[in-house]
Full PDB file with SEQRES, HELIX, SHEET, SSBOND, CRYST1, ORIGX, SCALE, CONECT and MASTER records, all heavy atoms in Angstrom:
SEQRES   1 A   32  GLU SER GLY GLY GLY LEU VAL GLN ALA GLY GLY SER LEU          
SEQRES   2 A   32  ARG LEU SER CYS ALA ALA SER GLY SER ILE TYR MET LEU          
SEQRES   3 A   32  ASN ALA MET GLY TRP TYR                                      
CRYST1    1.000    1.000    1.000  90.00  90.00  90.00 P 1           1          
ORIGX1      1.000000  0.000000  0.000000        0.00000                         
ORIGX2      0.000000  1.000000  0.000000        0.00000                         
ORIGX3      0.000000  0.000000  1.000000        0.00000                         
SCALE1      1.000000  0.000000  0.000000        0.00000                         
SCALE2      0.000000  1.000000  0.000000        0.00000                         
SCALE3      0.000000  0.000000  1.000000        0.00000                         
ATOM      1  N   GLU A   1      -7.209  -4.632  -9.667  1.00  0.00           N  
ATOM      2  CA  GLU A   1      -7.327  -3.155  -9.366  1.00  0.00           C  
ATOM      3  C   GLU A   1      -8.687  -2.948  -8.560  1.00  0.00           C  
ATOM      4  O   GLU A   1      -9.630  -3.690  -8.737  1.00  0.00           O  
ATOM      5  CB  GLU A   1      -7.321  -2.318 -10.581  1.00  0.00           C  
ATOM      6  CG  GLU A   1      -6.075  -2.445 -11.466  1.00  0.00           C  
ATOM      7  CD  GLU A   1      -6.303  -3.389 -12.627  1.00  0.00           C  
ATOM      8  OE1 GLU A   1      -7.105  -4.264 -12.573  1.00  0.00           O  
ATOM      9  OE2 GLU A   1      -5.564  -3.181 -13.637  1.00  0.00           O  
ATOM     10  N   SER A   2      -8.618  -1.868  -7.805  1.00  0.00           N  
ATOM     11  CA  SER A   2      -9.923  -1.405  -7.220  1.00  0.00           C  
ATOM     12  C   SER A   2      -9.790   0.076  -6.820  1.00  0.00           C  
ATOM     13  O   SER A   2      -8.645   0.624  -6.912  1.00  0.00           O  
ATOM     14  CB  SER A   2     -10.061  -2.210  -5.792  1.00  0.00           C  
ATOM     15  OG  SER A   2      -9.017  -1.982  -4.908  1.00  0.00           O  
ATOM     16  N   GLY A   3     -10.928   0.663  -6.536  1.00  0.00           N  
ATOM     17  CA  GLY A   3     -10.922   2.006  -6.181  1.00  0.00           C  
ATOM     18  C   GLY A   3     -11.405   2.962  -7.187  1.00  0.00           C  
ATOM     19  O   GLY A   3     -11.606   4.200  -6.897  1.00  0.00           O  
ATOM     20  N   GLY A   4     -11.708   2.491  -8.421  1.00  0.00           N  
ATOM     21  CA  GLY A   4     -12.321   3.304  -9.443  1.00  0.00           C  
ATOM     22  C   GLY A   4     -13.776   3.744  -9.118  1.00  0.00           C  
ATOM     23  O   GLY A   4     -14.382   3.141  -8.231  1.00  0.00           O  
ATOM     24  N   GLY A   5     -14.272   4.764  -9.874  1.00  0.00           N  
ATOM     25  CA  GLY A   5     -15.561   5.206  -9.652  1.00  0.00           C  
ATOM     26  C   GLY A   5     -15.829   6.512 -10.264  1.00  0.00           C  
ATOM     27  O   GLY A   5     -15.004   6.961 -11.125  1.00  0.00           O  
ATOM     28  N   LEU A   6     -16.884   7.080  -9.912  1.00  0.00           N  
ATOM     29  CA  LEU A   6     -17.398   8.437 -10.430  1.00  0.00           C  
ATOM     30  C   LEU A   6     -17.102   9.507  -9.463  1.00  0.00           C  
ATOM     31  O   LEU A   6     -17.528   9.414  -8.361  1.00  0.00           O  
ATOM     32  CB  LEU A   6     -18.848   8.332 -10.806  1.00  0.00           C  
ATOM     33  CG  LEU A   6     -19.541   9.609 -11.272  1.00  0.00           C  
ATOM     34  CD1 LEU A   6     -18.870  10.075 -12.591  1.00  0.00           C  
ATOM     35  CD2 LEU A   6     -21.029   9.455 -11.384  1.00  0.00           C  
ATOM     36  N   VAL A   7     -16.411  10.544  -9.896  1.00  0.00           N  
ATOM     37  CA  VAL A   7     -16.140  11.604  -8.996  1.00  0.00           C  
ATOM     38  C   VAL A   7     -16.332  12.965  -9.772  1.00  0.00           C  
ATOM     39  O   VAL A   7     -16.243  13.013 -11.005  1.00  0.00           O  
ATOM     40  CB  VAL A   7     -14.606  11.564  -8.467  1.00  0.00           C  
ATOM     41  CG1 VAL A   7     -14.354  10.264  -7.622  1.00  0.00           C  
ATOM     42  CG2 VAL A   7     -13.585  11.669  -9.690  1.00  0.00           C  
ATOM     43  N   GLN A   8     -16.412  14.051  -9.051  1.00  0.00           N  
ATOM     44  CA  GLN A   8     -16.565  15.309  -9.630  1.00  0.00           C  
ATOM     45  C   GLN A   8     -15.153  15.867  -9.888  1.00  0.00           C  
ATOM     46  O   GLN A   8     -14.218  15.611  -9.236  1.00  0.00           O  
ATOM     47  CB  GLN A   8     -17.323  16.257  -8.650  1.00  0.00           C  
ATOM     48  CG  GLN A   8     -18.751  15.924  -8.466  1.00  0.00           C  
ATOM     49  CD  GLN A   8     -19.606  16.886  -7.498  1.00  0.00           C  
ATOM     50  OE1 GLN A   8     -18.861  17.668  -6.805  1.00  0.00           O  
ATOM     51  NE2 GLN A   8     -20.841  16.785  -7.552  1.00  0.00           N  
ATOM     52  N   ALA A   9     -15.216  16.849 -10.868  1.00  0.00           N  
ATOM     53  CA  ALA A   9     -13.912  17.477 -11.148  1.00  0.00           C  
ATOM     54  C   ALA A   9     -13.352  18.211  -9.928  1.00  0.00           C  
ATOM     55  O   ALA A   9     -14.148  18.730  -9.157  1.00  0.00           O  
ATOM     56  CB  ALA A   9     -14.150  18.526 -12.269  1.00  0.00           C  
ATOM     57  N   GLY A  10     -12.100  18.035  -9.697  1.00  0.00           N  
ATOM     58  CA  GLY A  10     -11.459  18.654  -8.489  1.00  0.00           C  
ATOM     59  C   GLY A  10     -11.469  17.703  -7.289  1.00  0.00           C  
ATOM     60  O   GLY A  10     -10.853  18.011  -6.336  1.00  0.00           O  
ATOM     61  N   GLY A  11     -12.098  16.589  -7.523  1.00  0.00           N  
ATOM     62  CA  GLY A  11     -12.109  15.571  -6.400  1.00  0.00           C  
ATOM     63  C   GLY A  11     -10.948  14.708  -6.423  1.00  0.00           C  
ATOM     64  O   GLY A  11     -10.035  14.759  -7.179  1.00  0.00           O  
ATOM     65  N   SER A  12     -10.900  13.694  -5.469  1.00  0.00           N  
ATOM     66  CA  SER A  12      -9.882  12.834  -5.351  1.00  0.00           C  
ATOM     67  C   SER A  12     -10.321  11.327  -5.308  1.00  0.00           C  
ATOM     68  O   SER A  12     -11.398  11.047  -5.040  1.00  0.00           O  
ATOM     69  CB  SER A  12      -9.030  13.004  -4.015  1.00  0.00           C  
ATOM     70  OG  SER A  12      -8.539  14.416  -3.976  1.00  0.00           O  
ATOM     71  N   LEU A  13      -9.380  10.448  -5.726  1.00  0.00           N  
ATOM     72  CA  LEU A  13      -9.630   9.035  -5.739  1.00  0.00           C  
ATOM     73  C   LEU A  13      -8.347   8.313  -5.571  1.00  0.00           C  
ATOM     74  O   LEU A  13      -7.211   8.795  -5.984  1.00  0.00           O  
ATOM     75  CB  LEU A  13     -10.205   8.634  -7.154  1.00  0.00           C  
ATOM     76  CG  LEU A  13     -11.179   7.453  -7.230  1.00  0.00           C  
ATOM     77  CD1 LEU A  13     -12.319   7.730  -6.377  1.00  0.00           C  
ATOM     78  CD2 LEU A  13     -11.562   7.295  -8.736  1.00  0.00           C  
ATOM     79  N   ARG A  14      -8.434   7.170  -4.958  1.00  0.00           N  
ATOM     80  CA  ARG A  14      -7.254   6.350  -4.591  1.00  0.00           C  
ATOM     81  C   ARG A  14      -7.465   4.960  -5.166  1.00  0.00           C  
ATOM     82  O   ARG A  14      -8.353   4.198  -4.788  1.00  0.00           O  
ATOM     83  CB  ARG A  14      -6.976   6.248  -3.243  1.00  0.00           C  
ATOM     84  CG  ARG A  14      -5.549   5.662  -2.779  1.00  0.00           C  
ATOM     85  CD  ARG A  14      -5.317   5.330  -1.341  1.00  0.00           C  
ATOM     86  NE  ARG A  14      -3.994   5.067  -0.963  1.00  0.00           N  
ATOM     87  CZ  ARG A  14      -3.666   4.348  -0.014  1.00  0.00           C  
ATOM     88  NH1 ARG A  14      -4.473   3.705   0.592  1.00  0.00           N  
ATOM     89  NH2 ARG A  14      -2.267   4.176   0.231  1.00  0.00           N  
ATOM     90  N   LEU A  15      -6.559   4.673  -6.131  1.00  0.00           N  
ATOM     91  CA  LEU A  15      -6.626   3.316  -6.818  1.00  0.00           C  
ATOM     92  C   LEU A  15      -5.626   2.419  -6.045  1.00  0.00           C  
ATOM     93  O   LEU A  15      -4.579   2.761  -5.594  1.00  0.00           O  
ATOM     94  CB  LEU A  15      -6.224   3.374  -8.254  1.00  0.00           C  
ATOM     95  CG  LEU A  15      -7.065   4.297  -9.190  1.00  0.00           C  
ATOM     96  CD1 LEU A  15      -6.682   4.252 -10.544  1.00  0.00           C  
ATOM     97  CD2 LEU A  15      -8.556   4.060  -8.926  1.00  0.00           C  
ATOM     98  N   SER A  16      -5.970   1.070  -5.990  1.00  0.00           N  
ATOM     99  CA  SER A  16      -5.101   0.002  -5.433  1.00  0.00           C  
ATOM    100  C   SER A  16      -4.991  -1.020  -6.476  1.00  0.00           C  
ATOM    101  O   SER A  16      -5.951  -1.368  -7.237  1.00  0.00           O  
ATOM    102  CB  SER A  16      -5.662  -0.416  -4.136  1.00  0.00           C  
ATOM    103  OG  SER A  16      -5.795   0.555  -3.197  1.00  0.00           O  
ATOM    104  N   CYS A  17      -3.820  -1.739  -6.424  1.00  0.00           N  
ATOM    105  CA  CYS A  17      -3.622  -2.902  -7.259  1.00  0.00           C  
ATOM    106  C   CYS A  17      -2.860  -3.916  -6.488  1.00  0.00           C  
ATOM    107  O   CYS A  17      -1.647  -3.619  -6.017  1.00  0.00           O  
ATOM    108  CB  CYS A  17      -2.887  -2.494  -8.569  1.00  0.00           C  
ATOM    109  SG  CYS A  17      -2.362  -3.963  -9.480  1.00  0.00           S  
ATOM    110  N   ALA A  18      -3.533  -5.053  -6.225  1.00  0.00           N  
ATOM    111  CA  ALA A  18      -2.788  -6.124  -5.414  1.00  0.00           C  
ATOM    112  C   ALA A  18      -2.362  -7.290  -6.340  1.00  0.00           C  
ATOM    113  O   ALA A  18      -3.147  -7.796  -7.120  1.00  0.00           O  
ATOM    114  CB  ALA A  18      -3.643  -6.634  -4.369  1.00  0.00           C  
ATOM    115  N   ALA A  19      -1.058  -7.705  -6.226  1.00  0.00           N  
ATOM    116  CA  ALA A  19      -0.574  -8.846  -6.933  1.00  0.00           C  
ATOM    117  C   ALA A  19      -0.728 -10.107  -6.083  1.00  0.00           C  
ATOM    118  O   ALA A  19      -0.440  -9.998  -4.900  1.00  0.00           O  
ATOM    119  CB  ALA A  19       0.870  -8.587  -7.346  1.00  0.00           C  
ATOM    120  N   SER A  20      -1.143 -11.110  -6.707  1.00  0.00           N  
ATOM    121  CA  SER A  20      -1.291 -12.393  -6.014  1.00  0.00           C  
ATOM    122  C   SER A  20      -0.729 -13.509  -6.914  1.00  0.00           C  
ATOM    123  O   SER A  20      -0.554 -13.347  -8.056  1.00  0.00           O  
ATOM    124  CB  SER A  20      -2.698 -12.681  -5.497  1.00  0.00           C  
ATOM    125  OG  SER A  20      -3.548 -12.792  -6.690  1.00  0.00           O  
ATOM    126  N   GLY A  21      -0.592 -14.745  -6.224  1.00  0.00           N  
ATOM    127  CA  GLY A  21      -0.066 -15.840  -6.967  1.00  0.00           C  
ATOM    128  C   GLY A  21       1.415 -16.123  -6.670  1.00  0.00           C  
ATOM    129  O   GLY A  21       1.957 -15.491  -5.765  1.00  0.00           O  
ATOM    130  N   SER A  22       2.026 -16.976  -7.410  1.00  0.00           N  
ATOM    131  CA  SER A  22       3.372 -17.407  -7.121  1.00  0.00           C  
ATOM    132  C   SER A  22       4.294 -16.357  -7.910  1.00  0.00           C  
ATOM    133  O   SER A  22       4.372 -16.256  -9.076  1.00  0.00           O  
ATOM    134  CB  SER A  22       3.660 -18.818  -7.732  1.00  0.00           C  
ATOM    135  OG  SER A  22       5.001 -19.178  -7.527  1.00  0.00           O  
ATOM    136  N   ILE A  23       4.945 -15.574  -7.031  1.00  0.00           N  
ATOM    137  CA  ILE A  23       5.835 -14.472  -7.451  1.00  0.00           C  
ATOM    138  C   ILE A  23       7.117 -14.622  -6.749  1.00  0.00           C  
ATOM    139  O   ILE A  23       7.169 -14.527  -5.526  1.00  0.00           O  
ATOM    140  CB  ILE A  23       5.180 -13.148  -7.268  1.00  0.00           C  
ATOM    141  CG1 ILE A  23       3.859 -12.951  -7.959  1.00  0.00           C  
ATOM    142  CG2 ILE A  23       6.101 -12.073  -7.717  1.00  0.00           C  
ATOM    143  CD1 ILE A  23       3.105 -11.701  -7.680  1.00  0.00           C  
ATOM    144  N   TYR A  24       8.178 -14.721  -7.559  1.00  0.00           N  
ATOM    145  CA  TYR A  24       9.460 -14.840  -6.923  1.00  0.00           C  
ATOM    146  C   TYR A  24      10.027 -13.408  -6.594  1.00  0.00           C  
ATOM    147  O   TYR A  24      10.573 -13.215  -5.504  1.00  0.00           O  
ATOM    148  CB  TYR A  24      10.457 -15.563  -7.826  1.00  0.00           C  
ATOM    149  CG  TYR A  24      11.918 -15.480  -7.317  1.00  0.00           C  
ATOM    150  CD1 TYR A  24      12.294 -16.347  -6.222  1.00  0.00           C  
ATOM    151  CD2 TYR A  24      12.900 -14.638  -7.869  1.00  0.00           C  
ATOM    152  CE1 TYR A  24      13.559 -16.351  -5.681  1.00  0.00           C  
ATOM    153  CE2 TYR A  24      14.162 -14.654  -7.347  1.00  0.00           C  
ATOM    154  CZ  TYR A  24      14.537 -15.428  -6.336  1.00  0.00           C  
ATOM    155  OH  TYR A  24      15.807 -15.396  -5.802  1.00  0.00           O  
ATOM    156  N   MET A  25       9.869 -12.478  -7.604  1.00  0.00           N  
ATOM    157  CA  MET A  25      10.401 -11.142  -7.300  1.00  0.00           C  
ATOM    158  C   MET A  25       9.430 -10.173  -8.051  1.00  0.00           C  
ATOM    159  O   MET A  25       9.249 -10.273  -9.300  1.00  0.00           O  
ATOM    160  CB  MET A  25      11.770 -10.970  -7.929  1.00  0.00           C  
ATOM    161  CG  MET A  25      12.400  -9.628  -7.613  1.00  0.00           C  
ATOM    162  SD  MET A  25      14.151  -9.488  -8.068  1.00  0.00           S  
ATOM    163  CE  MET A  25      14.932 -10.611  -6.851  1.00  0.00           C  
ATOM    164  N   LEU A  26       8.961  -9.213  -7.379  1.00  0.00           N  
ATOM    165  CA  LEU A  26       8.133  -8.099  -7.930  1.00  0.00           C  
ATOM    166  C   LEU A  26       9.021  -6.925  -8.176  1.00  0.00           C  
ATOM    167  O   LEU A  26       9.519  -6.300  -7.227  1.00  0.00           O  
ATOM    168  CB  LEU A  26       7.035  -7.829  -6.891  1.00  0.00           C  
ATOM    169  CG  LEU A  26       5.911  -6.839  -7.379  1.00  0.00           C  
ATOM    170  CD1 LEU A  26       5.192  -7.487  -8.655  1.00  0.00           C  
ATOM    171  CD2 LEU A  26       4.994  -6.619  -6.240  1.00  0.00           C  
ATOM    172  N   ASN A  27       9.138  -6.501  -9.452  1.00  0.00           N  
ATOM    173  CA  ASN A  27      10.048  -5.451  -9.793  1.00  0.00           C  
ATOM    174  C   ASN A  27       9.167  -4.149  -9.944  1.00  0.00           C  
ATOM    175  O   ASN A  27       8.391  -3.779  -9.053  1.00  0.00           O  
ATOM    176  CB  ASN A  27      10.779  -5.725 -11.110  1.00  0.00           C  
ATOM    177  CG  ASN A  27      11.589  -7.052 -10.951  1.00  0.00           C  
ATOM    178  OD1 ASN A  27      12.366  -7.193  -9.901  1.00  0.00           O  
ATOM    179  ND2 ASN A  27      11.550  -7.876 -11.913  1.00  0.00           N  
ATOM    180  N   ALA A  28       9.420  -3.406 -11.090  1.00  0.00           N  
ATOM    181  CA  ALA A  28       8.671  -2.205 -11.195  1.00  0.00           C  
ATOM    182  C   ALA A  28       7.201  -2.376 -11.380  1.00  0.00           C  
ATOM    183  O   ALA A  28       6.791  -3.434 -11.948  1.00  0.00           O  
ATOM    184  CB  ALA A  28       9.203  -1.350 -12.374  1.00  0.00           C  
ATOM    185  N   MET A  29       6.389  -1.443 -10.897  1.00  0.00           N  
ATOM    186  CA  MET A  29       4.947  -1.531 -11.109  1.00  0.00           C  
ATOM    187  C   MET A  29       4.495  -0.104 -11.571  1.00  0.00           C  
ATOM    188  O   MET A  29       5.255   0.884 -11.446  1.00  0.00           O  
ATOM    189  CB  MET A  29       4.238  -1.786  -9.756  1.00  0.00           C  
ATOM    190  CG  MET A  29       4.721  -3.069  -9.110  1.00  0.00           C  
ATOM    191  SD  MET A  29       3.800  -3.562  -7.675  1.00  0.00           S  
ATOM    192  CE  MET A  29       2.199  -4.114  -8.340  1.00  0.00           C  
ATOM    193  N   GLY A  30       3.394  -0.087 -12.129  1.00  0.00           N  
ATOM    194  CA  GLY A  30       2.951   1.129 -12.749  1.00  0.00           C  
ATOM    195  C   GLY A  30       1.418   1.226 -13.089  1.00  0.00           C  
ATOM    196  O   GLY A  30       0.702   0.161 -12.883  1.00  0.00           O  
ATOM    197  N   TRP A  31       0.951   2.370 -13.396  1.00  0.00           N  
ATOM    198  CA  TRP A  31      -0.360   2.639 -13.812  1.00  0.00           C  
ATOM    199  C   TRP A  31      -0.449   3.149 -15.257  1.00  0.00           C  
ATOM    200  O   TRP A  31       0.304   4.109 -15.541  1.00  0.00           O  
ATOM    201  CB  TRP A  31      -1.037   3.497 -12.871  1.00  0.00           C  
ATOM    202  CG  TRP A  31      -1.428   2.990 -11.551  1.00  0.00           C  
ATOM    203  CD1 TRP A  31      -0.609   3.075 -10.373  1.00  0.00           C  
ATOM    204  CD2 TRP A  31      -2.485   2.161 -11.139  1.00  0.00           C  
ATOM    205  NE1 TRP A  31      -1.143   2.422  -9.310  1.00  0.00           N  
ATOM    206  CE2 TRP A  31      -2.375   1.828  -9.767  1.00  0.00           C  
ATOM    207  CE3 TRP A  31      -3.623   1.687 -11.834  1.00  0.00           C  
ATOM    208  CZ2 TRP A  31      -3.309   1.092  -9.057  1.00  0.00           C  
ATOM    209  CZ3 TRP A  31      -4.573   0.983 -11.147  1.00  0.00           C  
ATOM    210  CH2 TRP A  31      -4.365   0.645  -9.815  1.00  0.00           C  
ATOM    211  N   TYR A  32      -1.345   2.647 -15.967  1.00  0.00           N  
ATOM    212  CA  TYR A  32      -1.616   3.178 -17.347  1.00  0.00           C  
ATOM    213  C   TYR A  32      -3.094   3.407 -17.461  1.00  0.00           C  
ATOM    214  O   TYR A  32      -3.933   2.909 -16.688  1.00  0.00           O  
ATOM    215  CB  TYR A  32      -1.227   2.121 -18.445  1.00  0.00           C  
ATOM    216  CG  TYR A  32       0.315   1.819 -18.487  1.00  0.00           C  
ATOM    217  CD1 TYR A  32       0.935   1.183 -17.423  1.00  0.00           C  
ATOM    218  CD2 TYR A  32       1.032   2.446 -19.518  1.00  0.00           C  
ATOM    219  CE1 TYR A  32       2.280   1.011 -17.542  1.00  0.00           C  
ATOM    220  CE2 TYR A  32       2.362   2.133 -19.632  1.00  0.00           C  
ATOM    221  CZ  TYR A  32       3.022   1.448 -18.637  1.00  0.00           C  
ATOM    222  OH  TYR A  32       4.381   1.266 -18.710  1.00  0.00           O  
TER     223      TYR A  32                                                      
MASTER        0    0    0    0    0    0    0    6  222    1    0    3          
END                                                                             
């Protein structure tokens, strides 16, 4: 994951998550 940080209320932020390695099929993804 990347993109986290400190922001003010009302602001915006964009998180990214990149999968790497040997993957045959990437199904559902999500954020918790």
